[in-house]
Amino acid sequence: MQGNNKNHKKYIIMIKGIFPVDRFKELSTPFYYYDVDLLQETLSIVLSESDKYGYHCHYAIKANANPHILRIIAASGLGADCVSGGEIQAALDAGFPGSKIVFAGVGKADWEINLGLDNDIACFNVESSAELHVLNEMAEAKGKTATIAFRVNPNVDAHTHQKITTGMSENKFGINISMLPELFKALPRMENVCLTGIHFHIGSQITDMSAFKALSICFNKLQDELEAKGITLQHVNFGGGLGIDYYHPNHIPIPDFESYFAVFHKLINRRSEQQVHFELGRSIVGQCGTLISKVLYVKEGEVKKYAILDAGFSDLIRPAMYDAYHRIENISNDEGDDVYDIVGPICESSDVFDKDVKLNTIRRNDLIAIRSAGGYCESMASQYNCRPLPKSYFSDTI
């Protein structure tokens, strides 16, 4: 996923020496550190590549809802993709206008729907017949008309982890294509909703472009079938899902947005004046974040060495939940090498960041960087074992 070399050349050079280690030594660990320059560069490329085709991009707030990060992204001009009322409020607080907010989620509570209606958000992505009826009733009570799209399950295999696959028929999300006729039949009786399009989201951390090709083909077929019945789509939202390179954050800090958008441009049968939307999350923020932790102990076992950190899966849960890989670096020592299991202090056997990792020799109080932690790390943090949430620091304010 190297992508356009001219877009990445600058950061291959800049990424080295990115961590102000001396300043880090003054801070209480663990903490999240964000490279704002990398975030800005990523946003610039997202906008330039999507603007080639007149596409509209929304940032998926669930990836990282840090207020400072949200303000930067809102200022870039992207819209917001929200999956809860709390995310809608966070988006509004950060400066995203209601007119650029889209709201998905299989279980929208009444107060969340009311928040969206009160702020005239751009679109509710409806995921069931039951939700459609409730939304129509609540919009009628407010004397409003809710703009909606049907979230459709295209039954496309995203070729990613089963826990982040969302577009198959058996997933809880969305509406199976076979059930759409029932909803279209009910629409004429719904005076307070206005259907303008359809929405897809097939999964997350997708690095195989063939999944997006299959999605495009599915959309073309569905659109032809709908038009044969007199149904036109003003907009189509293809969701997000583009992955990042967790193995090479130093050399591939920015995903291949050029190829990503080009796939859709080449394959979808876009109608005149039809808007095309995307919801990108991890691919925007994933590489700009790092979890910084301190070594508490180096524990010698009979056959293993353990580097026990003061960070645990309450601070970065992806390895424990998804068996996910994150590159780990010892940023305090560049001499020697040994093999370690990198583990946290939490009272669970799954509190392991990685096993058999070859690193520069680790000593007590060394600082360890766990890379590619900008997406789904801070936003999924918990206070399990009564641990305090880590603080966040930024390259433009530290």
Protein backbone atom coordinates (compact mmCIF):
# COMPACT_ATOMS: atom_id res chain seq x y z
CA MET A 1 0.00 0.00 0.00
CA GLN A 2 2.87 2.36 -0.72
CA GLY A 3 0.81 4.54 -3.05
CA ASN A 4 2.08 7.72 -4.63
CA ASN A 5 5.77 8.04 -3.71
CA LYS A 6 5.85 11.82 -4.05
CA ASN A 7 3.18 12.06 -1.34
CA HIS A 8 5.19 9.92 1.06
CA LYS A 9 8.79 10.93 0.41
CA LYS A 10 8.64 13.84 2.84
CA TYR A 11 7.49 11.70 5.72
CA ILE A 12 9.91 8.86 5.17
CA ILE A 13 12.57 11.41 6.06
CA MET A 14 10.68 13.32 8.77
CA ILE A 15 9.40 10.33 10.70
CA LYS A 16 12.87 9.43 11.99
CA GLY A 17 13.56 11.14 15.26
CA ILE A 18 9.92 12.11 15.59
CA PHE A 19 9.79 11.50 19.35
CA PRO A 20 11.02 14.25 21.72
CA VAL A 21 12.37 11.67 24.16
CA ASP A 22 13.89 14.18 26.58
CA ARG A 23 10.50 15.87 26.92
CA PHE A 24 8.81 12.50 27.32
CA LYS A 25 10.97 11.76 30.35
CA GLU A 26 9.26 14.64 32.17
CA LEU A 27 5.76 13.26 31.60
CA SER A 28 3.82 10.67 33.56
CA THR A 29 3.30 7.48 31.61
CA PRO A 30 1.44 5.95 29.94
CA PHE A 31 0.21 8.62 27.54
CA TYR A 32 -0.86 9.04 23.92
CA TYR A 33 1.30 11.17 21.67
CA TYR A 34 0.02 12.58 18.38
CA ASP A 35 2.10 13.86 15.47
CA VAL A 36 -0.06 16.74 14.26
CA ASP A 37 2.13 17.38 11.20
CA LEU A 38 1.49 13.83 9.99
CA LEU A 39 -2.24 14.24 10.62
CA GLN A 40 -2.28 17.47 8.61
CA GLU A 41 -0.36 15.87 5.77
CA THR A 42 -2.74 12.90 5.72
CA LEU A 43 -5.78 15.19 5.63
CA SER A 44 -4.23 17.15 2.77
CA ILE A 45 -3.77 13.99 0.71
CA VAL A 46 -7.29 12.73 1.51
CA LEU A 47 -8.74 15.99 0.29
CA SER A 48 -6.59 16.26 -2.83
CA GLU A 49 -7.29 12.67 -3.92
CA SER A 50 -11.04 12.81 -3.22
CA ASP A 51 -11.40 16.24 -4.82
CA LYS A 52 -10.19 14.77 -8.12
CA TYR A 53 -13.59 13.12 -8.45
CA GLY A 54 -15.78 15.49 -6.46
CA TYR A 55 -16.19 12.98 -3.64
CA HIS A 56 -17.39 13.98 -0.15
CA CYS A 57 -15.46 12.67 2.86
CA HIS A 58 -16.56 12.32 6.47
CA TYR A 59 -14.28 11.46 9.37
CA ALA A 60 -15.44 8.41 11.37
CA ILE A 61 -15.33 9.79 14.91
CA LYS A 62 -15.33 6.34 16.54
CA ALA A 63 -11.69 5.95 15.44
CA ASN A 64 -10.53 8.77 17.72
CA ALA A 65 -12.73 11.37 19.43
CA ASN A 66 -9.97 13.37 21.12
CA PRO A 67 -11.23 17.00 21.07
CA HIS A 68 -7.93 18.43 19.78
CA ILE A 69 -7.84 15.88 16.96
CA LEU A 70 -11.49 16.58 16.11
CA ARG A 71 -10.92 20.33 15.91
CA ILE A 72 -8.05 19.84 13.47
CA ILE A 73 -10.13 17.54 11.26
CA ALA A 74 -13.20 19.82 11.39
CA ALA A 75 -11.04 22.77 10.34
CA SER A 76 -9.88 20.81 7.28
CA GLY A 77 -13.43 20.79 5.92
CA LEU A 78 -14.27 17.10 6.28
CA GLY A 79 -17.68 16.08 7.52
CA ALA A 80 -18.32 13.76 10.47
CA ASP A 81 -19.54 10.16 10.54
CA CYS A 82 -21.18 9.45 13.91
CA VAL A 83 -22.52 6.26 15.49
CA SER A 84 -23.89 7.67 18.74
CA GLY A 85 -25.44 10.78 20.18
CA GLY A 86 -22.27 11.39 22.13
CA GLU A 87 -20.31 11.45 18.88
CA ILE A 88 -22.81 13.87 17.34
CA GLN A 89 -22.31 16.21 20.30
CA ALA A 90 -18.52 15.81 20.11
CA ALA A 91 -18.65 16.67 16.41
CA LEU A 92 -20.77 19.77 17.01
CA ASP A 93 -18.49 20.88 19.87
CA ALA A 94 -15.44 20.49 17.60
CA GLY A 95 -16.93 22.69 14.89
CA PHE A 96 -18.43 20.21 12.43
CA PRO A 97 -21.67 21.75 11.08
CA GLY A 98 -24.84 19.69 11.39
CA SER A 99 -25.15 19.83 7.61
CA LYS A 100 -21.99 17.67 7.33
CA ILE A 101 -22.89 15.06 9.96
CA VAL A 102 -24.16 11.59 9.04
CA PHE A 103 -25.51 9.23 11.69
CA ALA A 104 -25.35 5.44 11.49
CA GLY A 105 -25.90 2.77 14.14
CA VAL A 106 -28.12 -0.24 14.56
CA GLY A 107 -29.52 0.96 17.91
CA LYS A 108 -30.23 4.70 17.83
CA ALA A 109 -31.85 5.77 21.11
CA ASP A 110 -34.68 8.31 21.11
CA TRP A 111 -32.52 11.05 22.62
CA GLU A 112 -29.87 10.45 19.95
CA ILE A 113 -32.43 10.73 17.17
CA ASN A 114 -33.80 13.92 18.72
CA LEU A 115 -30.29 15.38 18.91
CA GLY A 116 -29.83 14.70 15.21
CA LEU A 117 -33.20 16.18 14.32
CA ASP A 118 -32.65 19.27 16.45
CA ASN A 119 -29.34 19.95 14.70
CA ASP A 120 -30.63 19.23 11.17
CA ILE A 121 -27.93 16.66 10.45
CA ALA A 122 -27.26 15.73 6.84
CA CYS A 123 -28.45 12.14 6.94
CA PHE A 124 -29.69 9.30 9.15
CA ASN A 125 -28.42 5.96 7.84
CA VAL A 126 -31.40 3.75 8.64
CA GLU A 127 -30.64 0.12 9.52
CA SER A 128 -34.05 -1.54 9.96
CA SER A 129 -37.76 -1.25 9.23
CA ALA A 130 -38.38 -0.69 12.95
CA GLU A 131 -35.98 2.25 13.02
CA LEU A 132 -37.59 3.76 9.90
CA HIS A 133 -41.01 3.87 11.58
CA VAL A 134 -39.66 5.33 14.82
CA LEU A 135 -37.65 8.00 13.00
CA ASN A 136 -40.70 9.03 10.96
CA GLU A 137 -42.83 9.33 14.13
CA MET A 138 -40.19 11.36 15.97
CA ALA A 139 -39.63 13.70 13.03
CA GLU A 140 -43.41 14.20 12.75
CA ALA A 141 -43.60 15.15 16.43
CA LYS A 142 -41.06 17.91 15.77
CA GLY A 143 -42.64 19.01 12.50
CA LYS A 144 -39.46 18.08 10.65
CA THR A 145 -38.44 15.89 7.73
CA ALA A 146 -35.45 13.63 8.30
CA THR A 147 -33.14 13.00 5.38
CA ILE A 148 -32.32 9.29 5.28
CA ALA A 149 -30.36 6.62 3.46
CA PHE A 150 -30.88 2.89 3.77
CA ARG A 151 -27.79 1.10 5.08
CA VAL A 152 -27.57 -1.94 2.86
CA ASN A 153 -25.71 -5.19 3.49
CA PRO A 154 -24.12 -6.06 0.14
CA ASN A 155 -22.93 -9.47 1.44
CA VAL A 156 -19.37 -8.61 0.41
CA ASP A 157 -16.48 -10.32 2.21
CA ALA A 158 -14.11 -7.60 3.41
CA HIS A 159 -11.25 -10.13 3.94
CA THR A 160 -10.54 -8.74 7.39
CA HIS A 161 -10.93 -9.88 11.01
CA GLN A 162 -14.34 -11.39 11.73
CA LYS A 163 -14.90 -8.93 14.59
CA ILE A 164 -14.59 -5.93 12.25
CA THR A 165 -16.54 -7.36 9.29
CA THR A 166 -19.87 -5.53 9.00
CA GLY A 167 -21.33 -6.03 5.53
CA MET A 168 -22.25 -9.71 5.44
CA SER A 169 -25.84 -10.94 5.56
CA GLU A 170 -25.41 -12.44 9.03
CA ASN A 171 -24.04 -9.22 10.59
CA LYS A 172 -26.27 -7.20 12.91
CA PHE A 173 -25.78 -4.06 10.86
CA GLY A 174 -27.85 -2.80 7.98
CA ILE A 175 -30.61 -4.19 5.79
CA ASN A 176 -30.25 -7.23 3.57
CA ILE A 177 -30.87 -6.47 -0.10
CA SER A 178 -33.73 -8.99 -0.18
CA MET A 179 -35.58 -6.93 2.45
CA LEU A 180 -35.40 -3.60 0.61
CA PRO A 181 -38.67 -3.98 -1.36
CA GLU A 182 -40.60 -4.06 1.94
CA LEU A 183 -39.07 -0.75 3.01
CA PHE A 184 -39.59 0.96 -0.34
CA LYS A 185 -43.21 -0.16 -0.24
CA ALA A 186 -43.66 1.49 3.16
CA LEU A 187 -42.02 4.81 2.21
CA PRO A 188 -45.06 6.48 0.57
CA ARG A 189 -46.83 6.35 3.95
CA MET A 190 -43.89 8.04 5.67
CA GLU A 191 -44.37 11.79 5.27
CA ASN A 192 -41.58 12.88 7.61
CA VAL A 193 -38.63 11.05 6.09
CA CYS A 194 -37.03 11.73 2.73
CA LEU A 195 -34.94 8.95 1.19
CA THR A 196 -32.03 10.33 -0.81
CA GLY A 197 -29.66 7.39 -1.12
CA ILE A 198 -28.09 4.22 0.18
CA HIS A 199 -25.21 3.55 2.52
CA PHE A 200 -22.70 0.72 2.77
CA HIS A 201 -19.94 -0.18 5.21
CA ILE A 202 -18.40 -3.60 4.74
CA GLY A 203 -15.75 -3.59 7.46
CA SER A 204 -12.55 -2.12 8.82
CA GLN A 205 -8.78 -2.45 8.29
CA ILE A 206 -9.26 -3.54 4.67
CA THR A 207 -6.03 -3.75 2.69
CA ASP A 208 -7.29 -5.91 -0.18
CA MET A 209 -8.67 -3.56 -2.84
CA SER A 210 -10.66 -6.43 -4.36
CA ALA A 211 -13.19 -5.99 -1.54
CA PHE A 212 -13.90 -2.44 -2.70
CA LYS A 213 -14.12 -3.67 -6.29
CA ALA A 214 -16.75 -6.22 -5.25
CA LEU A 215 -18.65 -3.48 -3.39
CA SER A 216 -18.64 -1.27 -6.49
CA ILE A 217 -20.01 -4.09 -8.65
CA CYS A 218 -22.73 -4.81 -6.10
CA PHE A 219 -23.72 -1.14 -6.04
CA ASN A 220 -23.99 -0.97 -9.83
CA LYS A 221 -26.29 -3.99 -9.92
CA LEU A 222 -28.48 -2.67 -7.10
CA GLN A 223 -28.73 0.78 -8.63
CA ASP A 224 -29.87 -0.68 -11.97
CA GLU A 225 -32.52 -2.74 -10.20
CA LEU A 226 -33.80 0.26 -8.26
CA GLU A 227 -33.94 2.48 -11.32
CA ALA A 228 -35.94 -0.18 -13.14
CA LYS A 229 -38.55 0.32 -10.40
CA GLY A 230 -38.45 4.11 -10.72
CA ILE A 231 -36.18 4.71 -7.69
CA THR A 232 -33.28 7.12 -8.20
CA LEU A 233 -30.42 7.71 -5.77
CA GLN A 234 -29.24 11.26 -5.17
CA HIS A 235 -26.30 10.03 -3.17
CA VAL A 236 -24.42 6.85 -2.31
CA ASN A 237 -22.20 6.44 0.73
CA PHE A 238 -19.57 3.68 0.47
CA GLY A 239 -18.54 3.93 4.13
CA GLY A 240 -14.87 3.51 4.96
CA GLY A 241 -12.64 0.63 5.94
CA LEU A 242 -9.31 1.47 4.28
CA GLY A 243 -6.55 -0.01 6.42
CA ILE A 244 -3.11 1.18 7.48
CA ASP A 245 0.27 -0.57 7.49
CA TYR A 246 0.84 -1.56 11.10
CA TYR A 247 4.11 -3.28 10.21
CA HIS A 248 5.82 -0.29 8.57
CA PRO A 249 4.64 2.95 10.19
CA ASN A 250 8.03 4.58 9.57
CA HIS A 251 8.06 3.91 5.83
CA ILE A 252 4.35 3.93 4.98
CA PRO A 253 2.83 6.52 7.32
CA ILE A 254 0.07 7.50 4.87
CA PRO A 255 -2.27 4.92 3.28
CA ASP A 256 -2.78 4.63 -0.47
CA PHE A 257 -5.71 7.00 -0.82
CA GLU A 258 -4.89 7.48 -4.50
CA SER A 259 -5.64 3.84 -5.34
CA TYR A 260 -8.58 3.70 -2.93
CA PHE A 261 -10.55 6.51 -4.54
CA ALA A 262 -9.45 5.45 -8.05
CA VAL A 263 -11.07 2.01 -7.57
CA PHE A 264 -14.49 3.59 -7.12
CA HIS A 265 -13.96 6.16 -9.86
CA LYS A 266 -13.08 3.41 -12.31
CA LEU A 267 -15.82 0.95 -11.42
CA ILE A 268 -18.98 2.67 -10.16
CA ASN A 269 -21.61 3.77 -12.64
CA ARG A 270 -22.10 7.20 -11.17
CA ARG A 271 -25.13 9.09 -12.40
CA SER A 272 -25.08 12.76 -13.35
CA GLU A 273 -25.26 15.00 -10.26
CA GLN A 274 -25.04 11.96 -7.96
CA GLN A 275 -23.06 12.63 -4.78
CA VAL A 276 -20.54 10.02 -3.62
CA HIS A 277 -19.57 9.91 0.06
CA PHE A 278 -16.92 8.11 2.12
CA GLU A 279 -16.38 7.68 5.85
CA LEU A 280 -12.69 7.35 6.69
CA GLY A 281 -11.45 6.87 10.24
CA ARG A 282 -8.40 4.75 11.04
CA SER A 283 -6.74 5.63 7.72
CA ILE A 284 -6.76 9.31 8.73
CA VAL A 285 -5.62 9.10 12.36
CA GLY A 286 -4.07 5.64 12.80
CA GLN A 287 -0.46 6.41 12.05
CA CYS A 288 -0.27 9.80 13.77
CA GLY A 289 -0.74 8.31 17.24
CA THR A 290 1.65 6.43 19.54
CA LEU A 291 1.18 4.99 23.02
CA ILE A 292 4.20 5.83 25.17
CA SER A 293 4.81 3.56 28.17
CA LYS A 294 7.52 3.02 30.75
CA VAL A 295 9.15 -0.29 31.65
CA LEU A 296 8.35 -1.24 35.24
CA TYR A 297 10.33 -4.48 35.38
CA VAL A 298 12.30 -6.84 33.19
CA LYS A 299 11.22 -10.23 34.47
CA GLU A 300 13.46 -13.25 33.83
CA GLY A 301 11.59 -16.51 33.31
CA GLU A 302 13.11 -19.91 32.67
CA VAL A 303 12.71 -19.62 28.90
CA LYS A 304 11.44 -16.07 28.38
CA LYS A 305 12.11 -12.47 29.29
CA TYR A 306 9.15 -10.23 29.99
CA ALA A 307 9.20 -6.47 29.66
CA ILE A 308 6.40 -5.40 31.99
CA LEU A 309 5.04 -1.97 31.05
CA ASP A 310 2.90 0.51 32.93
CA ALA A 311 0.46 0.48 29.98
CA GLY A 312 -2.05 -2.31 29.59
CA PHE A 313 -4.94 -3.37 27.44
CA SER A 314 -7.07 -0.74 29.16
CA ASP A 315 -4.97 1.77 27.19
CA LEU A 316 -4.64 -0.19 23.92
CA ILE A 317 -7.00 -3.13 23.64
CA ARG A 318 -6.53 -4.11 19.99
CA PRO A 319 -3.98 -6.91 20.55
CA ALA A 320 -6.16 -8.48 23.26
CA MET A 321 -9.45 -8.06 21.38
CA TYR A 322 -8.44 -8.60 17.75
CA ASP A 323 -5.06 -10.37 18.00
CA ALA A 324 -3.79 -7.21 16.32
CA TYR A 325 -0.16 -6.34 15.66
CA HIS A 326 1.43 -3.01 16.62
CA ARG A 327 5.08 -2.21 16.00
CA ILE A 328 6.93 -1.77 19.30
CA GLU A 329 10.12 0.29 19.72
CA ASN A 330 12.49 0.98 22.60
CA ILE A 331 13.07 4.72 22.22
CA SER A 332 15.39 5.01 25.25
CA ASN A 333 18.16 2.67 24.16
CA ASP A 334 19.60 1.99 20.70
CA GLU A 335 22.23 -0.55 21.78
CA GLY A 336 22.20 -4.32 22.14
CA ASP A 337 19.26 -6.57 21.41
CA ASP A 338 17.24 -9.30 23.06
CA VAL A 339 13.88 -11.02 22.70
CA TYR A 340 10.99 -10.15 25.01
CA ASP A 341 7.31 -10.69 25.59
CA ILE A 342 5.89 -7.18 25.96
CA VAL A 343 3.14 -7.27 28.57
CA GLY A 344 1.08 -4.96 30.77
CA PRO A 345 0.24 -4.91 34.49
CA ILE A 346 -3.44 -5.82 34.21
CA CYS A 347 -4.72 -8.90 36.01
CA GLU A 348 -5.62 -10.79 32.81
CA SER A 349 -3.59 -13.29 30.79
CA SER A 350 -4.65 -11.49 27.60
CA ASP A 351 -2.81 -8.32 28.66
CA VAL A 352 -0.02 -8.95 26.16
CA PHE A 353 1.03 -6.50 23.45
CA ASP A 354 3.26 -8.95 21.58
CA LYS A 355 5.41 -12.03 22.12
CA ASP A 356 8.99 -12.85 21.13
CA VAL A 357 9.77 -9.31 20.04
CA LYS A 358 13.39 -8.51 19.20
CA LEU A 359 14.24 -5.06 20.60
CA ASN A 360 17.22 -3.05 21.74
CA THR A 361 18.15 -4.12 25.27
CA ILE A 362 15.37 -3.12 27.66
CA ARG A 363 16.06 -1.73 31.11
CA ARG A 364 13.84 -0.54 33.93
CA ASN A 365 12.37 2.92 33.19
CA ASP A 366 13.08 2.72 29.45
CA LEU A 367 10.38 4.33 27.32
CA ILE A 368 8.56 2.02 24.92
CA ALA A 369 6.62 3.32 21.91
CA ILE A 370 3.69 1.28 20.64
CA ARG A 371 3.08 2.62 17.17
CA SER A 372 0.03 3.13 14.94
CA ALA A 373 -2.10 3.88 18.00
CA GLY A 374 -4.05 6.82 16.62
CA GLY A 375 -7.12 4.77 15.74
CA TYR A 376 -9.26 2.69 18.12
CA CYS A 377 -6.85 3.02 21.05
CA GLU A 378 -7.69 6.16 23.01
CA SER A 379 -11.32 5.88 21.88
CA MET A 380 -11.56 2.31 23.28
CA ALA A 381 -9.65 2.96 26.50
CA SER A 382 -11.23 1.88 29.77
CA GLN A 383 -10.63 2.17 33.49
CA TYR A 384 -10.50 -1.57 34.11
CA ASN A 385 -8.68 -2.41 37.38
CA CYS A 386 -9.55 1.19 38.41
CA ARG A 387 -6.72 2.46 36.22
CA PRO A 388 -6.81 6.17 35.29
CA LEU A 389 -7.23 7.06 31.62
CA PRO A 390 -3.95 8.18 30.02
CA LYS A 391 -3.42 11.82 29.09
CA SER A 392 -2.85 12.96 25.52
CA TYR A 393 -0.05 15.19 24.20
CA PHE A 394 0.43 16.71 20.77
CA SER A 395 3.46 17.67 18.71
CA ASP A 396 2.10 21.19 18.23
CA THR A 397 1.63 21.87 21.95
CA ILE A 398 4.17 19.73 23.82
